[in-house]
N, C-alpha and C. Protein backbone atom coordinates (compact mmCIF):
# COMPACT_ATOMS: atom_id res chain seq x y z
N MET A 1 110.20 96.26 134.17
CA MET A 1 110.23 95.76 132.89
C MET A 1 108.79 95.45 132.40
N LEU A 2 107.99 94.85 133.21
CA LEU A 2 106.60 94.57 132.86
C LEU A 2 105.73 95.83 132.75
N ASP A 3 106.25 96.94 133.30
CA ASP A 3 105.51 98.22 133.24
C ASP A 3 105.30 98.63 131.82
N ASN A 4 106.14 98.26 130.91
CA ASN A 4 106.03 98.67 129.49
C ASN A 4 104.80 97.99 128.88
N TYR A 5 104.45 96.87 129.35
CA TYR A 5 103.33 96.06 128.76
C TYR A 5 101.91 96.33 129.40
N ILE A 6 101.87 97.10 130.42
CA ILE A 6 100.58 97.35 131.10
C ILE A 6 99.65 98.11 130.17
N PRO A 7 99.99 99.06 129.37
CA PRO A 7 99.07 99.62 128.49
C PRO A 7 98.47 98.66 127.43
N VAL A 8 99.33 97.73 126.96
CA VAL A 8 98.93 96.70 126.05
C VAL A 8 97.87 95.76 126.69
N LEU A 9 98.17 95.40 127.95
CA LEU A 9 97.31 94.47 128.74
C LEU A 9 95.99 95.15 128.90
N ILE A 10 95.98 96.50 129.26
CA ILE A 10 94.74 97.25 129.52
C ILE A 10 93.96 97.31 128.26
N PHE A 11 94.61 97.53 127.08
CA PHE A 11 93.87 97.60 125.86
C PHE A 11 93.25 96.24 125.50
N ILE A 12 93.97 95.13 125.72
CA ILE A 12 93.44 93.82 125.42
C ILE A 12 92.22 93.54 126.33
N VAL A 13 92.32 93.88 127.60
CA VAL A 13 91.21 93.62 128.50
C VAL A 13 90.01 94.47 128.12
N ILE A 14 90.20 95.68 127.82
CA ILE A 14 89.08 96.56 127.44
C ILE A 14 88.42 96.01 126.17
N GLY A 15 89.28 95.65 125.18
CA GLY A 15 88.78 95.14 123.94
C GLY A 15 87.96 93.84 124.13
N LEU A 16 88.42 92.93 124.92
CA LEU A 16 87.71 91.71 125.17
C LEU A 16 86.45 91.99 125.92
N GLY A 17 86.50 92.87 126.91
CA GLY A 17 85.33 93.15 127.64
C GLY A 17 84.24 93.85 126.85
N LEU A 18 84.70 94.78 126.01
CA LEU A 18 83.67 95.48 125.12
C LEU A 18 83.12 94.55 124.09
N GLY A 19 83.91 93.61 123.56
CA GLY A 19 83.37 92.63 122.66
C GLY A 19 82.39 91.70 123.30
N THR A 20 82.72 91.25 124.52
CA THR A 20 81.84 90.40 125.23
C THR A 20 80.51 91.06 125.52
N VAL A 21 80.59 92.30 125.98
CA VAL A 21 79.32 93.08 126.29
C VAL A 21 78.51 93.21 125.07
N MET A 22 79.06 93.54 123.89
CA MET A 22 78.35 93.66 122.64
C MET A 22 77.69 92.36 122.26
N ILE A 23 78.36 91.28 122.35
CA ILE A 23 77.73 89.99 121.96
C ILE A 23 76.54 89.68 122.86
N PHE A 24 76.70 89.86 124.13
CA PHE A 24 75.59 89.59 125.06
C PHE A 24 74.44 90.53 124.86
N MET A 25 74.72 91.78 124.58
CA MET A 25 73.63 92.74 124.29
C MET A 25 72.86 92.29 122.99
N GLY A 26 73.63 91.92 122.05
CA GLY A 26 72.94 91.48 120.78
C GLY A 26 72.11 90.27 120.98
N ALA A 27 72.59 89.33 121.82
CA ALA A 27 71.84 88.11 122.09
C ALA A 27 70.60 88.39 122.87
N MET A 28 70.62 89.38 123.76
CA MET A 28 69.51 89.64 124.63
C MET A 28 68.48 90.61 124.00
N LEU A 29 68.95 91.63 123.32
CA LEU A 29 68.11 92.65 122.76
C LEU A 29 67.75 92.39 121.29
N GLY A 30 68.48 91.58 120.61
CA GLY A 30 68.20 91.36 119.19
C GLY A 30 66.92 90.48 119.01
N PRO A 31 66.30 90.61 117.77
CA PRO A 31 65.08 89.76 117.50
C PRO A 31 65.50 88.32 117.30
N HIS A 32 64.57 87.46 117.76
CA HIS A 32 64.85 86.00 117.66
C HIS A 32 63.65 85.43 116.77
N ARG A 33 63.99 85.38 115.44
CA ARG A 33 63.01 84.85 114.56
C ARG A 33 63.66 83.84 113.63
N PRO A 34 63.95 82.64 114.16
CA PRO A 34 64.63 81.75 113.24
C PRO A 34 63.66 81.12 112.25
N ASP A 35 64.24 80.79 111.01
CA ASP A 35 63.49 80.12 110.06
C ASP A 35 64.37 79.15 109.33
N SER A 36 63.83 78.27 108.53
CA SER A 36 64.75 77.20 107.86
C SER A 36 65.76 77.85 106.98
N GLU A 37 65.43 78.93 106.28
CA GLU A 37 66.42 79.58 105.39
C GLU A 37 67.60 80.12 106.19
N LYS A 38 67.34 80.75 107.30
CA LYS A 38 68.37 81.35 108.14
C LYS A 38 69.22 80.32 108.77
N GLN A 39 68.64 79.18 109.07
CA GLN A 39 69.38 78.08 109.76
C GLN A 39 70.15 77.24 108.79
N SER A 40 69.97 77.35 107.55
CA SER A 40 70.64 76.49 106.59
C SER A 40 72.10 76.85 106.41
N PRO A 41 72.98 75.84 106.18
CA PRO A 41 74.40 76.18 106.00
C PRO A 41 74.65 76.96 104.75
N TYR A 42 75.56 77.88 104.71
CA TYR A 42 75.88 78.69 103.59
C TYR A 42 77.36 78.94 103.54
N GLU A 43 77.95 78.76 102.40
CA GLU A 43 79.36 79.04 102.26
C GLU A 43 79.75 79.45 100.82
N CYS A 44 80.34 80.54 100.70
CA CYS A 44 80.93 81.00 99.41
C CYS A 44 79.96 81.10 98.24
N GLY A 45 78.75 81.39 98.53
CA GLY A 45 77.79 81.57 97.50
C GLY A 45 77.32 80.29 96.81
N PHE A 46 77.74 79.08 97.25
CA PHE A 46 77.35 77.90 96.69
C PHE A 46 76.32 77.20 97.64
N GLU A 47 75.48 76.42 97.14
CA GLU A 47 74.57 75.61 97.94
C GLU A 47 75.38 74.55 98.69
N ALA A 48 74.89 74.21 99.85
CA ALA A 48 75.64 73.17 100.67
C ALA A 48 75.59 71.79 99.92
N PHE A 49 76.60 71.09 99.95
CA PHE A 49 76.63 69.81 99.23
C PHE A 49 77.32 68.80 100.14
N GLU A 50 77.14 67.57 99.71
CA GLU A 50 77.63 66.45 100.56
C GLU A 50 79.07 66.12 100.35
N ASP A 51 79.55 66.15 99.06
CA ASP A 51 80.88 65.71 98.73
C ASP A 51 81.85 66.93 98.82
N SER A 52 82.85 66.86 99.63
CA SER A 52 83.83 67.98 99.73
C SER A 52 84.77 68.01 98.56
N ARG A 53 84.76 67.00 97.72
CA ARG A 53 85.67 66.96 96.56
C ARG A 53 85.01 67.41 95.26
N MET A 54 83.89 68.15 95.43
CA MET A 54 83.16 68.59 94.23
C MET A 54 83.98 69.58 93.45
N LYS A 55 83.96 69.59 92.17
CA LYS A 55 84.78 70.48 91.34
C LYS A 55 84.11 71.83 91.23
N PHE A 56 84.87 72.88 91.28
CA PHE A 56 84.41 74.24 91.13
C PHE A 56 84.78 74.77 89.85
N ASP A 57 84.06 75.78 89.32
CA ASP A 57 84.41 76.43 88.10
C ASP A 57 85.72 77.16 88.28
N VAL A 58 86.54 77.22 87.36
CA VAL A 58 87.87 77.88 87.48
C VAL A 58 87.66 79.40 87.53
N ARG A 59 86.56 79.83 86.96
CA ARG A 59 86.34 81.33 87.08
C ARG A 59 86.22 81.84 88.45
N TYR A 60 85.77 81.03 89.38
CA TYR A 60 85.70 81.45 90.84
C TYR A 60 87.07 81.82 91.31
N TYR A 61 88.11 81.05 90.97
CA TYR A 61 89.45 81.37 91.38
C TYR A 61 90.04 82.47 90.63
N LEU A 62 89.66 82.62 89.35
CA LEU A 62 90.16 83.75 88.54
C LEU A 62 89.67 85.06 89.05
N VAL A 63 88.40 85.08 89.50
CA VAL A 63 87.89 86.34 90.12
C VAL A 63 88.62 86.61 91.42
N ALA A 64 88.95 85.59 92.16
CA ALA A 64 89.75 85.81 93.39
C ALA A 64 91.13 86.40 93.03
N ILE A 65 91.77 85.91 92.03
CA ILE A 65 93.05 86.46 91.63
C ILE A 65 92.81 87.93 91.17
N LEU A 66 91.81 88.19 90.39
CA LEU A 66 91.51 89.56 89.98
C LEU A 66 91.36 90.50 91.18
N PHE A 67 90.62 90.04 92.15
CA PHE A 67 90.44 90.82 93.35
C PHE A 67 91.81 91.15 94.04
N ILE A 68 92.66 90.13 94.11
CA ILE A 68 94.02 90.37 94.70
C ILE A 68 94.78 91.38 93.91
N ILE A 69 94.65 91.32 92.57
CA ILE A 69 95.45 92.22 91.73
C ILE A 69 95.00 93.59 92.01
N PHE A 70 93.76 93.86 92.05
CA PHE A 70 93.31 95.25 92.24
C PHE A 70 93.45 95.71 93.72
N ASP A 71 93.33 94.76 94.60
CA ASP A 71 93.55 95.07 96.02
C ASP A 71 94.98 95.50 96.28
N LEU A 72 95.93 94.70 95.74
CA LEU A 72 97.32 95.12 95.86
C LEU A 72 97.62 96.45 95.25
N GLU A 73 97.06 96.67 94.10
CA GLU A 73 97.26 97.96 93.35
C GLU A 73 96.84 99.06 94.25
N ILE A 74 95.69 99.06 94.74
CA ILE A 74 95.18 100.19 95.58
C ILE A 74 95.97 100.28 96.87
N ALA A 75 96.25 99.13 97.52
CA ALA A 75 97.03 99.20 98.79
C ALA A 75 98.36 99.84 98.68
N PHE A 76 99.01 99.71 97.51
CA PHE A 76 100.38 100.27 97.37
C PHE A 76 100.34 101.61 96.56
N LEU A 77 99.32 101.86 95.78
CA LEU A 77 99.30 103.09 94.92
C LEU A 77 99.06 104.33 95.78
N PHE A 78 98.17 104.35 96.69
CA PHE A 78 97.89 105.52 97.47
C PHE A 78 99.02 105.98 98.36
N PRO A 79 99.65 105.11 99.13
CA PRO A 79 100.78 105.54 99.88
C PRO A 79 101.97 106.05 99.02
N TRP A 80 102.19 105.37 97.91
CA TRP A 80 103.21 105.77 96.94
C TRP A 80 102.92 107.19 96.39
N ALA A 81 101.67 107.44 96.05
CA ALA A 81 101.24 108.72 95.56
C ALA A 81 101.53 109.85 96.58
N VAL A 82 101.31 109.53 97.86
CA VAL A 82 101.48 110.57 98.91
C VAL A 82 103.03 110.93 98.98
N VAL A 83 103.89 109.98 98.91
CA VAL A 83 105.37 110.28 99.08
C VAL A 83 106.07 110.30 97.72
N LEU A 84 105.40 110.61 96.65
CA LEU A 84 106.01 110.55 95.34
C LEU A 84 107.18 111.56 95.26
N ASP A 85 107.07 112.76 95.76
CA ASP A 85 108.14 113.69 95.76
C ASP A 85 109.33 113.27 96.50
N GLU A 86 109.16 112.48 97.54
CA GLU A 86 110.27 112.09 98.39
C GLU A 86 111.07 110.86 97.81
N VAL A 87 110.37 110.05 97.09
CA VAL A 87 111.06 108.77 96.63
C VAL A 87 111.82 109.01 95.34
N GLY A 88 111.48 110.07 94.60
CA GLY A 88 112.26 110.37 93.42
C GLY A 88 112.04 109.48 92.27
N MET A 89 113.01 109.48 91.34
CA MET A 89 112.90 108.67 90.08
C MET A 89 112.97 107.22 90.42
N PHE A 90 113.81 106.79 91.40
CA PHE A 90 113.94 105.34 91.72
C PHE A 90 112.55 104.81 92.21
N GLY A 91 111.87 105.55 93.06
CA GLY A 91 110.49 105.11 93.55
C GLY A 91 109.55 105.13 92.42
N PHE A 92 109.66 106.10 91.48
CA PHE A 92 108.73 106.10 90.34
C PHE A 92 108.95 104.84 89.51
N LEU A 93 110.16 104.56 89.21
CA LEU A 93 110.50 103.34 88.30
C LEU A 93 110.11 102.08 89.07
N ALA A 94 110.32 101.96 90.37
CA ALA A 94 109.96 100.75 91.06
C ALA A 94 108.42 100.54 91.04
N MET A 95 107.67 101.64 91.16
CA MET A 95 106.19 101.49 91.07
C MET A 95 105.79 101.12 89.61
N MET A 96 106.45 101.63 88.65
CA MET A 96 106.14 101.31 87.23
C MET A 96 106.41 99.82 86.96
N VAL A 97 107.43 99.30 87.58
CA VAL A 97 107.66 97.82 87.42
C VAL A 97 106.62 97.01 88.15
N PHE A 98 106.24 97.57 89.33
CA PHE A 98 105.20 96.83 90.08
C PHE A 98 103.83 96.82 89.33
N LEU A 99 103.52 98.02 88.71
CA LEU A 99 102.25 98.08 87.99
C LEU A 99 102.40 97.24 86.67
N ALA A 100 103.57 97.16 86.11
CA ALA A 100 103.61 96.32 84.89
C ALA A 100 103.38 94.88 85.21
N ILE A 101 103.92 94.41 86.39
CA ILE A 101 103.63 93.00 86.82
C ILE A 101 102.19 92.82 87.01
N LEU A 102 101.47 93.80 87.60
CA LEU A 102 100.01 93.67 87.79
C LEU A 102 99.25 93.70 86.44
N VAL A 103 99.70 94.49 85.51
CA VAL A 103 99.11 94.49 84.21
C VAL A 103 99.30 93.14 83.52
N VAL A 104 100.37 92.44 83.69
CA VAL A 104 100.54 91.11 83.13
C VAL A 104 99.53 90.18 83.75
N GLY A 105 99.31 90.30 85.05
CA GLY A 105 98.31 89.43 85.67
C GLY A 105 96.89 89.75 85.17
N PHE A 106 96.60 91.06 84.98
CA PHE A 106 95.30 91.51 84.46
C PHE A 106 95.06 90.96 83.02
N ILE A 107 96.19 91.01 82.18
CA ILE A 107 96.03 90.47 80.81
C ILE A 107 95.81 88.99 80.87
N TYR A 108 96.48 88.29 81.79
CA TYR A 108 96.29 86.87 81.92
C TYR A 108 94.79 86.53 82.25
N GLU A 109 94.33 87.32 83.16
CA GLU A 109 92.86 87.18 83.61
C GLU A 109 91.90 87.43 82.40
N TRP A 110 92.24 88.44 81.62
CA TRP A 110 91.43 88.80 80.47
C TRP A 110 91.42 87.71 79.42
N LYS A 111 92.60 87.14 79.14
CA LYS A 111 92.74 86.08 78.20
C LYS A 111 92.02 84.79 78.63
N LYS A 112 92.02 84.53 79.91
CA LYS A 112 91.35 83.29 80.47
C LYS A 112 89.86 83.48 80.52
N GLY A 113 89.33 84.70 80.31
CA GLY A 113 87.89 84.91 80.29
C GLY A 113 87.26 85.18 81.65
N ALA A 114 88.02 85.63 82.58
CA ALA A 114 87.46 85.93 83.93
C ALA A 114 86.63 87.14 83.90
N LEU A 115 86.71 88.01 82.92
CA LEU A 115 85.96 89.24 82.84
C LEU A 115 84.71 89.06 82.07
N GLU A 116 84.46 87.87 81.52
CA GLU A 116 83.21 87.62 80.72
C GLU A 116 82.23 86.85 81.60
N TRP A 117 81.02 87.43 81.72
CA TRP A 117 79.99 86.80 82.53
C TRP A 117 78.94 86.19 81.65
N GLU A 118 78.36 85.16 82.13
CA GLU A 118 77.31 84.46 81.36
C GLU A 118 75.94 84.96 81.83
C-alpha cells in the first residue's frame, strides 16, 4: 500500500534537497553588500509606519479587485477557447454569463475611479 506513495516521497525529498542546496549556494556565492536601504522594512509599496491601524486609500483595494477581475478572465478564457468546439452552445452561453458578471465588476471599478491615476 505504501508503495504507491514512494514516488511522491522521492519527489518531496528531491525538491527539499534542491531548494536547500540553492539557498546555501546563494548565501555562500552571492555578494554581501548590506546597506541601510536594503535592510529597511518594506511592505506593499508603503513606507514602514508605527500604527497598524493606519487608513489606506480605497483605490489600493480597487486595483486589487481589478487585478482579480482580469486574472479570472484570463485564467478561464484560454481553456474555454481551446475546448469551444466540444462544449457547444451551453458552454458558450455559460462563458457569456461569466464575462457579463466580470463586465459588471469592471464597470463598478470604472465608476469608483480606480482607473483614474493622479
